N, C-alpha and C. Protein backbone atom coordinates (compact mmCIF):
# COMPACT_ATOMS: atom_id res chain seq x y z
N UNK A 1 0.82 -1.19 0.00
CA UNK A 1 0.00 0.00 0.00
C UNK A 1 0.86 1.26 0.00
N UNK A 2 1.93 1.21 0.79
CA UNK A 2 2.81 2.37 0.88
C UNK A 2 3.49 2.65 -0.48
N UNK A 3 3.85 1.58 -1.18
CA UNK A 3 4.48 1.72 -2.50
C UNK A 3 3.53 2.39 -3.49
N UNK A 4 2.27 2.02 -3.45
CA UNK A 4 1.26 2.60 -4.33
C UNK A 4 1.09 4.08 -4.01
N UNK A 5 1.02 4.42 -2.74
CA UNK A 5 0.86 5.81 -2.32
C UNK A 5 2.03 6.67 -2.77
N UNK A 6 3.27 6.14 -2.63
CA UNK A 6 4.46 6.88 -3.05
C UNK A 6 4.46 7.11 -4.56
N UNK A 7 4.12 6.07 -5.31
CA UNK A 7 4.11 6.24 -6.77
C UNK A 7 3.00 7.20 -7.19
N UNK A 8 1.86 7.16 -6.49
CA UNK A 8 0.77 8.09 -6.78
C UNK A 8 1.20 9.53 -6.49
N UNK A 9 1.87 9.76 -5.36
CA UNK A 9 2.35 11.10 -5.01
C UNK A 9 3.38 11.59 -6.02
N UNK A 10 4.27 10.71 -6.47
CA UNK A 10 5.27 11.06 -7.47
C UNK A 10 4.58 11.45 -8.77
N UNK A 11 3.55 10.68 -9.14
CA UNK A 11 2.77 10.96 -10.35
C UNK A 11 2.13 12.36 -10.26
N UNK A 12 1.49 12.66 -9.13
CA UNK A 12 0.85 13.97 -8.93
C UNK A 12 1.89 15.09 -8.97
N UNK A 13 3.03 14.87 -8.33
CA UNK A 13 4.10 15.87 -8.29
C UNK A 13 4.57 16.19 -9.71
N UNK A 14 4.78 15.16 -10.53
CA UNK A 14 5.21 15.37 -11.92
C UNK A 14 4.16 16.13 -12.72
N UNK A 15 2.89 15.76 -12.53
CA UNK A 15 1.81 16.46 -13.24
C UNK A 15 1.76 17.93 -12.82
N UNK A 16 1.95 18.21 -11.54
CA UNK A 16 1.92 19.59 -11.07
C UNK A 16 3.08 20.40 -11.64
N UNK A 17 4.26 19.78 -11.74
CA UNK A 17 5.40 20.48 -12.34
C UNK A 17 5.12 20.82 -13.79
N UNK A 18 4.59 19.84 -14.53
CA UNK A 18 4.25 20.11 -15.93
C UNK A 18 3.22 21.22 -16.02
N UNK A 19 2.22 21.16 -15.18
CA UNK A 19 1.18 22.19 -15.18
C UNK A 19 1.77 23.56 -14.86
N UNK A 20 2.64 23.63 -13.86
CA UNK A 20 3.28 24.90 -13.49
C UNK A 20 4.12 25.44 -14.65
N UNK A 21 4.86 24.59 -15.31
CA UNK A 21 5.70 25.01 -16.44
C UNK A 21 4.81 25.52 -17.58
N UNK A 22 3.78 24.79 -17.90
CA UNK A 22 2.89 25.19 -19.00
C UNK A 22 2.20 26.51 -18.68
N UNK A 23 1.70 26.67 -17.46
CA UNK A 23 1.04 27.92 -17.10
C UNK A 23 2.01 29.10 -17.14
N UNK A 24 3.25 28.88 -16.72
CA UNK A 24 4.26 29.93 -16.77
C UNK A 24 4.50 30.35 -18.21
N UNK A 25 4.64 29.37 -19.10
CA UNK A 25 4.88 29.67 -20.52
C UNK A 25 3.68 30.39 -21.12
N UNK A 26 2.49 29.90 -20.82
CA UNK A 26 1.29 30.50 -21.38
C UNK A 26 1.19 31.98 -21.02
N UNK A 27 1.34 32.28 -19.75
CA UNK A 27 1.17 33.67 -19.33
C UNK A 27 2.37 34.53 -19.67
N UNK A 28 3.58 33.97 -19.69
CA UNK A 28 4.74 34.78 -20.03
C UNK A 28 4.77 35.12 -21.52
N UNK A 29 4.22 34.28 -22.35
CA UNK A 29 4.18 34.55 -23.79
C UNK A 29 2.85 35.16 -24.22
N UNK A 30 1.94 35.35 -23.29
CA UNK A 30 0.67 36.00 -23.63
C UNK A 30 -0.19 35.19 -24.56
N UNK A 31 -0.20 33.88 -24.39
CA UNK A 31 -0.97 33.05 -25.31
C UNK A 31 -2.08 32.29 -24.59
N UNK A 32 -2.66 32.89 -23.60
CA UNK A 32 -3.75 32.24 -22.87
C UNK A 32 -4.93 31.96 -23.79
N UNK A 33 -5.09 32.78 -24.81
CA UNK A 33 -6.21 32.57 -25.73
C UNK A 33 -6.07 31.29 -26.54
N UNK A 34 -4.86 30.75 -26.62
CA UNK A 34 -4.64 29.51 -27.36
C UNK A 34 -5.49 28.39 -26.78
N UNK A 35 -5.65 28.36 -25.47
CA UNK A 35 -6.44 27.31 -24.84
C UNK A 35 -7.89 27.37 -25.26
N UNK A 36 -8.33 28.52 -25.72
CA UNK A 36 -9.71 28.68 -26.13
C UNK A 36 -9.90 28.41 -27.62
N UNK A 37 -8.80 28.15 -28.34
CA UNK A 37 -8.90 27.95 -29.79
C UNK A 37 -9.42 26.55 -30.09
N UNK A 38 -9.71 26.32 -31.37
CA UNK A 38 -10.23 25.03 -31.80
C UNK A 38 -9.13 23.98 -31.89
N UNK A 39 -7.86 24.39 -31.99
CA UNK A 39 -6.78 23.44 -32.22
C UNK A 39 -6.49 22.59 -30.99
N UNK A 40 -6.67 23.11 -29.81
CA UNK A 40 -6.39 22.42 -28.57
C UNK A 40 -4.94 21.97 -28.44
N UNK A 41 -4.01 22.63 -29.12
CA UNK A 41 -2.60 22.33 -28.96
C UNK A 41 -1.78 23.55 -29.33
N UNK A 42 -0.58 23.63 -28.79
CA UNK A 42 0.32 24.71 -29.14
C UNK A 42 1.74 24.25 -28.90
N UNK A 43 2.70 24.87 -29.60
CA UNK A 43 4.09 24.50 -29.50
C UNK A 43 4.75 25.27 -28.37
N UNK A 44 5.49 24.56 -27.55
CA UNK A 44 6.22 25.19 -26.47
C UNK A 44 7.65 25.44 -26.92
N UNK A 45 8.35 26.39 -26.30
CA UNK A 45 9.69 26.75 -26.77
C UNK A 45 10.71 25.61 -26.71
N UNK A 46 10.47 24.60 -25.90
CA UNK A 46 11.47 23.53 -25.76
C UNK A 46 11.14 22.32 -26.61
N UNK A 47 10.52 22.51 -27.74
CA UNK A 47 10.25 21.48 -28.74
C UNK A 47 9.30 20.40 -28.26
N UNK A 48 8.31 20.79 -27.48
CA UNK A 48 7.24 19.89 -27.10
C UNK A 48 5.92 20.56 -27.43
N UNK A 49 4.90 19.74 -27.64
CA UNK A 49 3.58 20.27 -27.92
C UNK A 49 2.69 19.91 -26.73
N UNK A 50 1.98 20.90 -26.22
CA UNK A 50 1.01 20.64 -25.17
C UNK A 50 -0.33 20.42 -25.84
N UNK A 51 -0.91 19.25 -25.65
CA UNK A 51 -2.20 18.92 -26.24
C UNK A 51 -3.22 18.85 -25.13
N UNK A 52 -4.24 19.69 -25.21
CA UNK A 52 -5.29 19.71 -24.21
C UNK A 52 -6.28 18.61 -24.56
N UNK A 53 -6.50 17.69 -23.63
CA UNK A 53 -7.42 16.58 -23.85
C UNK A 53 -8.69 16.83 -23.05
N UNK A 54 -9.62 15.90 -23.10
CA UNK A 54 -10.90 16.07 -22.40
C UNK A 54 -10.73 16.24 -20.91
N UNK A 55 -11.64 16.95 -20.30
CA UNK A 55 -11.65 17.14 -18.86
C UNK A 55 -10.57 18.06 -18.34
N UNK A 56 -9.98 18.88 -19.20
CA UNK A 56 -8.96 19.82 -18.76
C UNK A 56 -7.59 19.21 -18.58
N UNK A 57 -7.43 17.92 -18.90
CA UNK A 57 -6.12 17.28 -18.81
C UNK A 57 -5.28 17.69 -20.01
N UNK A 58 -4.00 17.41 -19.96
CA UNK A 58 -3.12 17.74 -21.07
C UNK A 58 -2.03 16.69 -21.18
N UNK A 59 -1.42 16.63 -22.35
CA UNK A 59 -0.28 15.74 -22.58
C UNK A 59 0.82 16.56 -23.20
N UNK A 60 2.06 16.25 -22.87
CA UNK A 60 3.20 16.86 -23.55
C UNK A 60 3.74 15.83 -24.51
N UNK A 61 3.86 16.19 -25.77
CA UNK A 61 4.39 15.28 -26.79
C UNK A 61 5.61 15.91 -27.41
N UNK A 62 6.67 15.11 -27.58
CA UNK A 62 7.88 15.60 -28.23
C UNK A 62 7.62 15.76 -29.71
N UNK A 63 8.18 16.82 -30.27
CA UNK A 63 8.10 17.05 -31.71
C UNK A 63 9.24 16.29 -32.36
N UNK A 64 8.93 15.52 -33.38
CA UNK A 64 9.95 14.80 -34.12
C UNK A 64 10.81 15.83 -34.86
N UNK A 65 12.12 15.88 -34.60
CA UNK A 65 12.95 16.91 -35.25
C UNK A 65 13.00 16.77 -36.77
N UNK A 66 12.69 15.56 -37.31
CA UNK A 66 12.69 15.38 -38.76
C UNK A 66 11.46 16.03 -39.40
N UNK A 67 10.41 16.23 -38.64
CA UNK A 67 9.19 16.83 -39.15
C UNK A 67 9.27 18.34 -38.96
N UNK A 68 9.26 19.08 -40.06
CA UNK A 68 9.34 20.53 -39.97
C UNK A 68 7.96 21.10 -39.67
N UNK A 69 7.84 21.83 -38.57
CA UNK A 69 6.56 22.44 -38.22
C UNK A 69 6.32 23.61 -39.17
N UNK A 70 5.10 23.73 -39.70
CA UNK A 70 4.82 24.81 -40.61
C UNK A 70 4.13 25.95 -39.89
N UNK A 71 4.39 27.12 -40.41
CA UNK A 71 3.77 28.30 -39.83
C UNK A 71 2.35 28.42 -40.35
N UNK A 72 1.42 28.69 -39.48
CA UNK A 72 0.04 28.87 -39.90
C UNK A 72 -0.28 30.34 -40.11
N UNK A 73 0.68 31.19 -39.87
CA UNK A 73 0.44 32.62 -40.00
C UNK A 73 0.50 33.04 -41.46
N UNK A 74 -0.43 33.90 -41.82
CA UNK A 74 -0.41 34.49 -43.15
C UNK A 74 0.66 35.58 -43.16
N UNK A 75 1.22 35.86 -44.33
CA UNK A 75 2.23 36.92 -44.40
C UNK A 75 1.61 38.28 -44.08
N UNK A 76 2.45 39.20 -43.64
CA UNK A 76 2.01 40.55 -43.29
C UNK A 76 1.60 41.31 -44.55
N UNK A 77 0.46 41.96 -44.49
CA UNK A 77 -0.07 42.71 -45.64
C UNK A 77 0.51 44.11 -45.63
N UNK A 78 1.13 44.51 -46.75
CA UNK A 78 1.73 45.84 -46.88
C UNK A 78 0.78 46.83 -47.53
N UNK A 79 -0.08 46.33 -48.41
CA UNK A 79 -0.96 47.21 -49.18
C UNK A 79 -2.11 46.37 -49.74
N UNK A 80 -3.28 46.96 -49.89
CA UNK A 80 -4.42 46.25 -50.48
C UNK A 80 -4.77 46.92 -51.80
N UNK A 81 -4.88 46.10 -52.84
CA UNK A 81 -5.19 46.59 -54.18
C UNK A 81 -6.49 45.92 -54.62
N UNK A 82 -7.48 46.70 -55.02
CA UNK A 82 -8.75 46.13 -55.49
C UNK A 82 -9.00 46.65 -56.89
N UNK A 83 -9.07 45.71 -57.84
CA UNK A 83 -9.27 46.09 -59.24
C UNK A 83 -9.68 44.88 -60.07
N UNK A 84 -10.09 45.16 -61.30
CA UNK A 84 -10.48 44.10 -62.24
C UNK A 84 -9.23 43.55 -62.93
N UNK A 85 -9.23 42.25 -63.18
CA UNK A 85 -8.11 41.61 -63.88
C UNK A 85 -8.09 42.10 -65.31
N UNK A 86 -6.94 42.61 -65.73
CA UNK A 86 -6.77 43.12 -67.10
C UNK A 86 -6.18 42.06 -68.01
N UNK A 87 -5.18 41.30 -67.50
CA UNK A 87 -4.47 40.34 -68.35
C UNK A 87 -3.88 39.23 -67.48
N UNK A 88 -3.99 37.99 -67.96
CA UNK A 88 -3.37 36.83 -67.30
C UNK A 88 -2.08 36.53 -68.05
N UNK A 89 -0.95 36.62 -67.37
CA UNK A 89 0.36 36.39 -68.00
C UNK A 89 0.60 34.90 -68.13
N UNK A 90 0.46 34.18 -67.02
CA UNK A 90 0.65 32.73 -66.99
C UNK A 90 -0.07 32.21 -65.75
N UNK A 91 0.28 31.03 -65.27
CA UNK A 91 -0.42 30.43 -64.15
C UNK A 91 -0.17 31.04 -62.79
N UNK A 92 0.77 32.00 -62.71
CA UNK A 92 1.02 32.62 -61.40
C UNK A 92 1.26 34.12 -61.47
N UNK A 93 0.89 34.75 -62.58
CA UNK A 93 1.10 36.19 -62.73
C UNK A 93 -0.06 36.84 -63.48
N UNK A 94 -0.45 38.03 -63.02
CA UNK A 94 -1.57 38.75 -63.62
C UNK A 94 -1.29 40.26 -63.63
N UNK A 95 -2.09 40.98 -64.40
CA UNK A 95 -2.11 42.45 -64.36
C UNK A 95 -3.52 42.88 -63.99
N UNK A 96 -3.61 43.95 -63.20
CA UNK A 96 -4.90 44.52 -62.83
C UNK A 96 -5.07 45.88 -63.51
N UNK A 97 -6.30 46.24 -63.86
CA UNK A 97 -6.59 47.54 -64.47
C UNK A 97 -6.27 48.65 -63.48
N UNK A 98 -5.56 49.67 -63.93
CA UNK A 98 -5.24 50.81 -63.10
C UNK A 98 -4.09 50.58 -62.13
N UNK A 99 -3.44 49.42 -62.22
CA UNK A 99 -2.29 49.13 -61.36
C UNK A 99 -1.17 48.63 -62.27
N UNK A 100 -0.10 49.40 -62.37
CA UNK A 100 0.93 49.14 -63.37
C UNK A 100 1.78 47.89 -63.14
N UNK A 101 2.34 47.67 -61.93
CA UNK A 101 3.22 46.49 -61.78
C UNK A 101 2.47 45.17 -61.96
N UNK A 102 3.20 44.20 -62.48
CA UNK A 102 2.66 42.85 -62.60
C UNK A 102 2.48 42.27 -61.19
N UNK A 103 1.46 41.46 -61.00
CA UNK A 103 1.24 40.82 -59.71
C UNK A 103 1.60 39.34 -59.81
N UNK A 104 2.48 38.93 -58.94
CA UNK A 104 2.93 37.54 -58.85
C UNK A 104 2.19 36.92 -57.67
N UNK A 105 1.51 35.79 -57.89
CA UNK A 105 0.75 35.16 -56.82
C UNK A 105 1.69 34.54 -55.79
N UNK A 106 1.57 34.99 -54.55
CA UNK A 106 2.43 34.53 -53.46
C UNK A 106 2.21 33.05 -53.18
N UNK A 107 3.30 32.31 -53.07
CA UNK A 107 3.23 30.90 -52.70
C UNK A 107 2.80 29.97 -53.81
N UNK A 108 2.68 30.48 -55.05
CA UNK A 108 2.24 29.66 -56.18
C UNK A 108 3.39 29.51 -57.17
N UNK A 109 3.64 28.27 -57.58
CA UNK A 109 4.67 27.98 -58.57
C UNK A 109 4.03 27.22 -59.72
N UNK A 110 3.70 27.93 -60.78
CA UNK A 110 3.09 27.31 -61.96
C UNK A 110 4.17 27.09 -63.01
N UNK A 111 3.99 26.10 -63.89
CA UNK A 111 4.98 25.84 -64.94
C UNK A 111 5.19 27.06 -65.84
N UNK A 112 6.44 27.25 -66.25
CA UNK A 112 6.79 28.38 -67.13
C UNK A 112 6.46 28.05 -68.58
N UNK A 113 6.43 29.09 -69.41
CA UNK A 113 6.15 28.93 -70.84
C UNK A 113 7.07 27.88 -71.46
N UNK A 114 6.48 26.98 -72.22
CA UNK A 114 7.24 25.92 -72.88
C UNK A 114 7.39 24.66 -72.03
N UNK A 115 7.00 24.70 -70.79
CA UNK A 115 7.08 23.54 -69.90
C UNK A 115 5.74 22.83 -69.86
N UNK A 116 5.78 21.53 -69.54
CA UNK A 116 4.55 20.75 -69.42
C UNK A 116 3.66 21.32 -68.32
N UNK A 117 2.40 21.54 -68.63
CA UNK A 117 1.45 22.06 -67.65
C UNK A 117 1.24 23.56 -67.73
N UNK A 118 2.05 24.25 -68.55
CA UNK A 118 1.93 25.71 -68.66
C UNK A 118 0.54 26.12 -69.14
N UNK A 119 0.09 25.49 -70.22
CA UNK A 119 -1.21 25.86 -70.80
C UNK A 119 -2.36 25.55 -69.85
N UNK A 120 -2.30 24.42 -69.16
CA UNK A 120 -3.36 24.05 -68.22
C UNK A 120 -3.44 25.05 -67.07
N UNK A 121 -2.29 25.45 -66.53
CA UNK A 121 -2.26 26.40 -65.42
C UNK A 121 -2.79 27.77 -65.87
N UNK A 122 -2.35 28.22 -67.03
CA UNK A 122 -2.78 29.53 -67.55
C UNK A 122 -4.28 29.50 -67.85
N UNK A 123 -4.74 28.41 -68.45
CA UNK A 123 -6.17 28.27 -68.78
C UNK A 123 -7.03 28.29 -67.51
N UNK A 124 -6.58 27.59 -66.46
CA UNK A 124 -7.35 27.54 -65.22
C UNK A 124 -7.40 28.91 -64.53
N UNK A 125 -6.26 29.61 -64.52
CA UNK A 125 -6.25 30.95 -63.91
C UNK A 125 -7.18 31.89 -64.68
N UNK A 126 -7.19 31.78 -66.02
CA UNK A 126 -8.11 32.59 -66.82
C UNK A 126 -9.56 32.26 -66.48
N UNK A 127 -9.84 30.97 -66.30
CA UNK A 127 -11.20 30.53 -65.99
C UNK A 127 -11.70 31.12 -64.67
N UNK A 128 -10.83 31.16 -63.65
CA UNK A 128 -11.30 31.61 -62.33
C UNK A 128 -11.15 33.11 -62.10
N UNK A 129 -10.28 33.79 -62.89
CA UNK A 129 -9.99 35.19 -62.56
C UNK A 129 -10.19 36.21 -63.67
N UNK A 130 -10.20 35.79 -64.92
CA UNK A 130 -10.24 36.75 -66.03
C UNK A 130 -11.45 37.70 -65.94
N UNK A 131 -11.16 39.00 -66.02
CA UNK A 131 -12.15 40.08 -66.01
C UNK A 131 -12.92 40.18 -64.69
N UNK A 132 -12.49 39.48 -63.67
CA UNK A 132 -13.15 39.57 -62.36
C UNK A 132 -12.46 40.61 -61.49
N UNK A 133 -13.20 41.12 -60.53
CA UNK A 133 -12.62 42.07 -59.58
C UNK A 133 -11.96 41.27 -58.47
N UNK A 134 -10.68 41.56 -58.22
CA UNK A 134 -9.92 40.88 -57.18
C UNK A 134 -9.50 41.87 -56.11
N UNK A 135 -9.35 41.35 -54.91
CA UNK A 135 -8.74 42.11 -53.83
C UNK A 135 -7.41 41.43 -53.56
N UNK A 136 -6.34 42.13 -53.85
CA UNK A 136 -5.00 41.55 -53.69
C UNK A 136 -4.30 42.19 -52.49
N UNK A 137 -3.77 41.35 -51.63
CA UNK A 137 -3.04 41.81 -50.46
C UNK A 137 -1.55 41.70 -50.76
N UNK A 138 -0.92 42.83 -50.99
CA UNK A 138 0.52 42.86 -51.29
C UNK A 138 1.31 42.44 -50.05
N UNK A 139 2.19 41.45 -50.23
CA UNK A 139 3.01 40.99 -49.11
C UNK A 139 4.50 41.25 -49.34
N UNK A 140 4.86 41.55 -50.60
CA UNK A 140 6.28 41.77 -50.90
C UNK A 140 6.42 42.32 -52.31
N UNK A 141 7.63 42.76 -52.63
CA UNK A 141 8.02 43.11 -54.01
C UNK A 141 9.19 42.20 -54.33
N UNK A 142 9.17 41.55 -55.50
CA UNK A 142 10.29 40.66 -55.83
C UNK A 142 11.41 41.42 -56.52
N UNK A 143 12.47 40.72 -56.85
CA UNK A 143 13.67 41.38 -57.42
C UNK A 143 13.42 41.96 -58.82
N UNK A 144 12.31 41.56 -59.45
CA UNK A 144 11.98 42.09 -60.77
C UNK A 144 11.01 43.27 -60.67
N UNK A 145 10.68 43.69 -59.47
CA UNK A 145 9.77 44.81 -59.27
C UNK A 145 8.30 44.44 -59.29
N UNK A 146 8.02 43.13 -59.36
CA UNK A 146 6.63 42.68 -59.36
C UNK A 146 6.07 42.73 -57.94
N UNK A 147 4.77 42.99 -57.84
CA UNK A 147 4.08 42.94 -56.56
C UNK A 147 3.76 41.48 -56.28
N UNK A 148 4.17 40.99 -55.12
CA UNK A 148 3.86 39.62 -54.71
C UNK A 148 2.65 39.72 -53.78
N UNK A 149 1.58 38.98 -54.12
CA UNK A 149 0.33 39.17 -53.38
C UNK A 149 -0.50 37.91 -53.28
N UNK A 150 -1.37 37.92 -52.27
CA UNK A 150 -2.44 36.94 -52.14
C UNK A 150 -3.68 37.62 -52.70
N UNK A 151 -4.36 36.97 -53.65
CA UNK A 151 -5.51 37.60 -54.31
C UNK A 151 -6.79 36.81 -54.05
N UNK A 152 -7.86 37.56 -53.81
CA UNK A 152 -9.14 36.97 -53.44
C UNK A 152 -10.24 37.41 -54.39
N UNK A 153 -11.14 36.47 -54.71
CA UNK A 153 -12.33 36.79 -55.49
C UNK A 153 -13.32 37.53 -54.59
N UNK A 154 -14.37 38.08 -55.17
CA UNK A 154 -15.36 38.82 -54.38
C UNK A 154 -16.10 37.93 -53.38
N UNK A 155 -16.12 36.61 -53.63
CA UNK A 155 -16.78 35.69 -52.69
C UNK A 155 -15.85 35.26 -51.55
N UNK A 156 -14.60 35.79 -51.53
CA UNK A 156 -13.66 35.50 -50.46
C UNK A 156 -12.71 34.35 -50.75
N UNK A 157 -12.91 33.63 -51.85
CA UNK A 157 -12.01 32.52 -52.17
C UNK A 157 -10.67 33.07 -52.65
N UNK A 158 -9.60 32.45 -52.18
CA UNK A 158 -8.26 32.88 -52.55
C UNK A 158 -7.82 32.16 -53.82
N UNK A 159 -7.45 32.91 -54.85
CA UNK A 159 -7.06 32.26 -56.11
C UNK A 159 -5.71 31.55 -55.97
N UNK A 160 -4.84 32.02 -55.09
CA UNK A 160 -3.57 31.33 -54.87
C UNK A 160 -3.86 29.89 -54.43
N UNK A 161 -4.72 29.75 -53.43
CA UNK A 161 -5.08 28.43 -52.90
C UNK A 161 -5.80 27.60 -53.96
N UNK A 162 -6.68 28.23 -54.74
CA UNK A 162 -7.44 27.52 -55.78
C UNK A 162 -6.50 26.94 -56.84
N UNK A 163 -5.45 27.69 -57.19
CA UNK A 163 -4.48 27.19 -58.17
C UNK A 163 -3.77 25.94 -57.65
N UNK A 164 -3.39 25.96 -56.39
CA UNK A 164 -2.69 24.82 -55.79
C UNK A 164 -3.64 23.63 -55.65
N UNK A 165 -4.86 23.89 -55.17
CA UNK A 165 -5.84 22.82 -54.99
C UNK A 165 -6.21 22.17 -56.32
N UNK A 166 -6.21 22.93 -57.40
CA UNK A 166 -6.59 22.39 -58.71
C UNK A 166 -5.53 21.43 -59.25
N UNK A 167 -4.31 21.54 -58.73
CA UNK A 167 -3.22 20.68 -59.22
C UNK A 167 -2.50 21.26 -60.42
N UNK A 168 -2.92 22.43 -60.90
CA UNK A 168 -2.26 23.04 -62.05
C UNK A 168 -1.01 23.82 -61.64
N UNK A 169 -0.85 24.04 -60.34
CA UNK A 169 0.35 24.72 -59.81
C UNK A 169 0.72 24.05 -58.49
N UNK A 170 1.94 24.28 -58.08
CA UNK A 170 2.41 23.74 -56.81
C UNK A 170 2.66 24.89 -55.85
N UNK A 171 2.80 24.53 -54.58
CA UNK A 171 3.13 25.55 -53.59
C UNK A 171 4.61 25.88 -53.69
N UNK A 172 4.92 27.17 -53.66
CA UNK A 172 6.30 27.65 -53.70
C UNK A 172 6.76 27.79 -52.25
N UNK A 173 7.15 26.66 -51.67
CA UNK A 173 7.43 26.60 -50.23
C UNK A 173 8.65 27.42 -49.81
N UNK A 174 9.50 27.79 -50.74
CA UNK A 174 10.66 28.62 -50.38
C UNK A 174 10.19 29.92 -49.72
N UNK A 175 9.05 30.43 -50.18
CA UNK A 175 8.54 31.68 -49.64
C UNK A 175 7.33 31.47 -48.72
N UNK A 176 6.48 30.50 -49.03
CA UNK A 176 5.25 30.31 -48.25
C UNK A 176 5.47 29.47 -46.99
N UNK A 177 6.60 28.77 -46.92
CA UNK A 177 6.94 27.95 -45.73
C UNK A 177 5.86 26.94 -45.37
N UNK A 178 5.15 26.42 -46.38
CA UNK A 178 4.15 25.39 -46.13
C UNK A 178 2.77 25.91 -45.77
N UNK A 179 2.52 27.19 -46.00
CA UNK A 179 1.24 27.79 -45.64
C UNK A 179 0.06 27.07 -46.30
N UNK A 180 0.25 26.63 -47.55
CA UNK A 180 -0.83 25.98 -48.30
C UNK A 180 -0.72 24.46 -48.29
N UNK A 181 0.10 23.91 -47.44
CA UNK A 181 0.40 22.48 -47.47
C UNK A 181 -0.84 21.60 -47.53
N UNK A 182 -1.88 21.90 -46.77
CA UNK A 182 -3.08 21.07 -46.75
C UNK A 182 -3.85 21.15 -48.07
N UNK A 183 -3.54 22.16 -48.90
CA UNK A 183 -4.26 22.32 -50.17
C UNK A 183 -3.73 21.42 -51.26
N UNK A 184 -2.48 20.98 -51.14
CA UNK A 184 -1.89 20.19 -52.20
C UNK A 184 -2.46 18.78 -52.20
N UNK A 185 -2.59 18.23 -53.39
CA UNK A 185 -3.07 16.85 -53.52
C UNK A 185 -1.99 15.89 -53.17
């Protein structure tokens, strides 16, 4: 009986330490709202994930170092451009009426002219965006002076994501860091 009591006390002590550590991290990083989110998990600075389970319990799980955690944050918006599509260059570039620089779709890598899949990607982008009014959120300017942006149809659908989901383009993970990963087939 004494052995059971000691192991039970050790178990409670370990749980309390974990709880104290997690609460310290939560409040010191200002992420108390994470517990109220739908995900029920968050990454801790020491490469563990706290997963909230039923009844207010939690588990700490080690993150496999071979698995790269992706950022769920959208890129910071520098400028918003709203205009009608004037011209589709290819599967990842467009021009808008009244806006001079070419717009490169952020996180989208479509085949270039002369490569397999170029026509399919260009045709699909024309189908979903040609002559439509888009709201583009500028996130960067590339080395060629093009505006790099996430563009949305009037119904709120993102054409960047639609291109990737259609399979006519791939995610350009060098810049998007896996933001659209769930969209790829």
